[in-house]
Each structure stands twice: as structure tokens, then as C-alpha cells.
């Protein structure tokens, strides 16, 4: 009985910690928060017409003979 109560308290504690982290630091858990949305919008504003300047100037790889 003591083990069940102990594990129940542990589960509630871990769940509370998870909810707190999800609320205050959503990016740590892969949740897109306000800051991540701001970064995404700023990156989209930097590349007009949806083109990526880092990859558009890349040279194609030579063909390989197998």
C-alpha cells in the first residue's frame, strides 16, 4: 500500500513539473511557443518568394558511376 501511495505522489509530482515546463519553457518540449513563432516569421521575412539563399547558389553534385 505504501508503494502505491508513493508512486502516486511521484506521478503527480512529475506531471506537475511537466506542466510547468510546458507552460514556461515550451520550446524545451518541442512545443512551438511565442518566441519560436517570432523566429519563424522573421526567417520568412528574410527570404522573399520562398527561396533559400543558402541552397540556391549551391553547385550540383557530379554524377556517380555505379
N, C-alpha and C. Protein backbone atom coordinates (compact mmCIF):
# COMPACT_ATOMS: atom_id res chain seq x y z
N UNK A 1 0.83 -1.19 0.00
CA UNK A 1 0.00 0.00 0.00
C UNK A 1 0.87 1.25 0.00
N UNK A 2 1.96 1.22 0.77
CA UNK A 2 2.84 2.38 0.82
C UNK A 2 3.51 2.64 -0.53
N UNK A 3 3.80 1.57 -1.26
CA UNK A 3 4.42 1.72 -2.57
C UNK A 3 3.45 2.40 -3.54
N UNK A 4 2.20 2.01 -3.49
CA UNK A 4 1.19 2.60 -4.38
C UNK A 4 1.03 4.09 -4.09
N UNK A 5 0.96 4.46 -2.83
CA UNK A 5 0.83 5.87 -2.46
C UNK A 5 2.07 6.64 -2.89
N UNK A 6 3.24 6.07 -2.67
CA UNK A 6 4.49 6.72 -3.05
C UNK A 6 4.58 6.94 -4.55
N UNK A 7 4.23 5.93 -5.32
CA UNK A 7 4.25 6.06 -6.78
C UNK A 7 3.19 7.04 -7.28
N UNK A 8 2.05 7.08 -6.60
CA UNK A 8 1.01 8.05 -6.96
C UNK A 8 1.48 9.48 -6.75
N UNK A 9 2.13 9.72 -5.62
CA UNK A 9 2.68 11.05 -5.33
C UNK A 9 3.78 11.39 -6.33
N UNK A 10 4.63 10.42 -6.64
CA UNK A 10 5.70 10.63 -7.63
C UNK A 10 5.11 10.99 -8.99
N UNK A 11 4.06 10.27 -9.41
CA UNK A 11 3.41 10.55 -10.69
C UNK A 11 2.84 11.96 -10.72
N UNK A 12 2.16 12.35 -9.66
CA UNK A 12 1.57 13.70 -9.59
C UNK A 12 2.67 14.76 -9.63
N UNK A 13 3.76 14.52 -8.92
CA UNK A 13 4.87 15.47 -8.90
C UNK A 13 5.50 15.62 -10.29
N UNK A 14 5.77 14.52 -10.96
CA UNK A 14 6.37 14.55 -12.30
C UNK A 14 5.41 15.22 -13.29
N UNK A 15 4.13 14.93 -13.17
CA UNK A 15 3.14 15.54 -14.06
C UNK A 15 3.09 17.05 -13.84
N UNK A 16 3.15 17.50 -12.60
CA UNK A 16 3.13 18.93 -12.29
C UNK A 16 4.38 19.62 -12.86
N UNK A 17 5.53 18.96 -12.75
CA UNK A 17 6.76 19.52 -13.30
C UNK A 17 6.66 19.62 -14.82
N UNK A 18 6.12 18.60 -15.46
CA UNK A 18 5.96 18.61 -16.92
C UNK A 18 5.04 19.76 -17.35
N UNK A 19 3.94 19.95 -16.65
CA UNK A 19 3.01 21.03 -17.00
C UNK A 19 3.68 22.38 -16.81
N UNK A 20 4.45 22.55 -15.74
CA UNK A 20 5.14 23.82 -15.50
C UNK A 20 6.16 24.10 -16.61
N UNK A 21 6.94 23.10 -16.99
CA UNK A 21 7.92 23.29 -18.07
C UNK A 21 7.21 23.56 -19.39
N UNK A 22 6.11 22.86 -19.66
CA UNK A 22 5.37 23.07 -20.90
C UNK A 22 4.80 24.48 -20.96
N UNK A 23 4.44 25.03 -19.83
CA UNK A 23 3.86 26.38 -19.80
C UNK A 23 4.93 27.46 -19.91
N UNK A 24 6.02 27.31 -19.15
CA UNK A 24 7.04 28.36 -19.09
C UNK A 24 8.15 28.20 -20.13
N UNK A 25 8.49 26.98 -20.51
CA UNK A 25 9.57 26.73 -21.48
C UNK A 25 9.09 25.73 -22.55
N UNK A 26 8.13 26.11 -23.37
CA UNK A 26 7.55 25.15 -24.32
C UNK A 26 8.53 24.64 -25.37
N UNK A 27 9.53 25.47 -25.73
CA UNK A 27 10.49 25.04 -26.74
C UNK A 27 11.32 23.85 -26.28
N UNK A 28 11.50 23.70 -24.98
CA UNK A 28 12.26 22.57 -24.46
C UNK A 28 11.56 21.25 -24.75
N UNK A 29 10.26 21.29 -24.93
CA UNK A 29 9.49 20.07 -25.14
C UNK A 29 9.02 19.92 -26.58
N UNK A 30 9.50 20.80 -27.45
CA UNK A 30 9.11 20.72 -28.85
C UNK A 30 7.79 21.39 -29.15
N UNK A 31 7.29 22.19 -28.22
CA UNK A 31 6.05 22.92 -28.42
C UNK A 31 6.43 24.29 -28.98
N UNK A 32 5.79 24.71 -30.05
CA UNK A 32 6.10 25.99 -30.65
C UNK A 32 5.48 27.10 -29.81
N UNK A 33 6.32 27.83 -29.13
CA UNK A 33 5.87 28.93 -28.29
C UNK A 33 5.91 30.25 -29.02
N UNK A 34 5.66 31.33 -28.29
CA UNK A 34 5.64 32.67 -28.88
C UNK A 34 7.00 33.02 -29.49
N UNK A 35 8.06 32.71 -28.78
CA UNK A 35 9.40 33.07 -29.27
C UNK A 35 9.73 32.32 -30.56
N UNK A 36 9.39 31.04 -30.63
CA UNK A 36 9.66 30.26 -31.84
C UNK A 36 8.86 30.79 -33.01
N UNK A 37 7.62 31.18 -32.77
CA UNK A 37 6.81 31.73 -33.85
C UNK A 37 7.40 33.04 -34.35
N UNK A 38 7.93 33.87 -33.45
CA UNK A 38 8.58 35.12 -33.85
C UNK A 38 9.80 34.84 -34.72
N UNK A 39 10.59 33.84 -34.34
CA UNK A 39 11.79 33.49 -35.12
C UNK A 39 11.40 32.98 -36.50
N UNK A 40 10.38 32.14 -36.57
CA UNK A 40 9.92 31.61 -37.86
C UNK A 40 9.46 32.75 -38.76
N UNK A 41 8.69 33.68 -38.20
CA UNK A 41 8.21 34.81 -39.00
C UNK A 41 9.36 35.70 -39.47
N UNK A 42 10.37 35.90 -38.62
CA UNK A 42 11.50 36.73 -39.03
C UNK A 42 12.31 36.04 -40.13
N UNK A 43 12.42 34.72 -40.08
CA UNK A 43 13.15 33.99 -41.11
C UNK A 43 12.39 34.03 -42.43
N UNK A 44 11.08 33.95 -42.38
CA UNK A 44 10.29 34.01 -43.60
C UNK A 44 10.38 35.39 -44.24
N UNK A 45 10.53 36.42 -43.42
CA UNK A 45 10.64 37.77 -43.95
C UNK A 45 11.99 37.99 -44.62
N UNK A 46 13.02 37.26 -44.21
CA UNK A 46 14.36 37.42 -44.77
C UNK A 46 14.47 36.80 -46.16
N UNK A 47 13.69 35.78 -46.47
CA UNK A 47 13.80 35.08 -47.76
C UNK A 47 12.53 35.33 -48.57
N UNK A 48 12.54 36.34 -49.44
CA UNK A 48 11.35 36.63 -50.25
C UNK A 48 11.11 35.54 -51.28
N UNK A 49 9.88 35.36 -51.66
CA UNK A 49 9.45 34.39 -52.68
C UNK A 49 9.73 32.95 -52.28
N UNK A 50 10.00 32.70 -51.01
CA UNK A 50 10.20 31.35 -50.54
C UNK A 50 11.51 30.71 -50.98
N UNK A 51 12.46 31.47 -51.52
CA UNK A 51 13.73 30.89 -51.94
C UNK A 51 14.73 30.97 -50.81
N UNK A 52 15.51 29.97 -50.67
CA UNK A 52 16.54 29.93 -49.64
C UNK A 52 17.87 30.31 -50.28
N UNK A 53 18.47 31.39 -49.80
CA UNK A 53 19.70 31.87 -50.43
C UNK A 53 20.89 30.96 -50.15
N UNK A 54 20.82 30.18 -49.10
CA UNK A 54 21.95 29.30 -48.77
C UNK A 54 22.04 28.13 -49.74
N UNK A 55 20.91 27.63 -50.20
CA UNK A 55 20.94 26.46 -51.08
C UNK A 55 20.75 26.81 -52.54
N UNK A 56 20.27 28.01 -52.86
CA UNK A 56 20.01 28.33 -54.27
C UNK A 56 21.31 28.56 -55.04
N UNK A 57 22.41 28.89 -54.36
CA UNK A 57 23.69 29.12 -55.03
C UNK A 57 24.59 27.89 -54.99
N UNK A 58 24.09 26.79 -54.48
CA UNK A 58 24.90 25.58 -54.35
C UNK A 58 25.09 24.92 -55.71
N UNK A 59 26.27 24.37 -55.93
CA UNK A 59 26.57 23.67 -57.18
C UNK A 59 26.03 22.25 -57.10
N UNK A 60 25.51 21.72 -58.20
CA UNK A 60 25.02 20.34 -58.17
C UNK A 60 26.19 19.36 -58.08
N UNK A 61 25.93 18.23 -57.48
CA UNK A 61 26.96 17.19 -57.35
C UNK A 61 27.17 16.49 -58.68
N UNK A 62 28.41 16.07 -58.96
CA UNK A 62 28.66 15.36 -60.22
C UNK A 62 28.02 13.97 -60.18
N UNK A 63 27.64 13.43 -61.33
CA UNK A 63 27.04 12.10 -61.35
C UNK A 63 28.05 11.04 -60.95
N UNK A 64 27.56 10.00 -60.32
CA UNK A 64 28.43 8.91 -59.90
C UNK A 64 28.17 7.68 -60.76
N UNK A 65 29.22 6.94 -61.06
CA UNK A 65 29.10 5.71 -61.86
C UNK A 65 29.07 4.52 -60.91
N UNK A 66 28.01 3.74 -60.99
CA UNK A 66 27.88 2.56 -60.11
C UNK A 66 28.02 1.30 -60.91
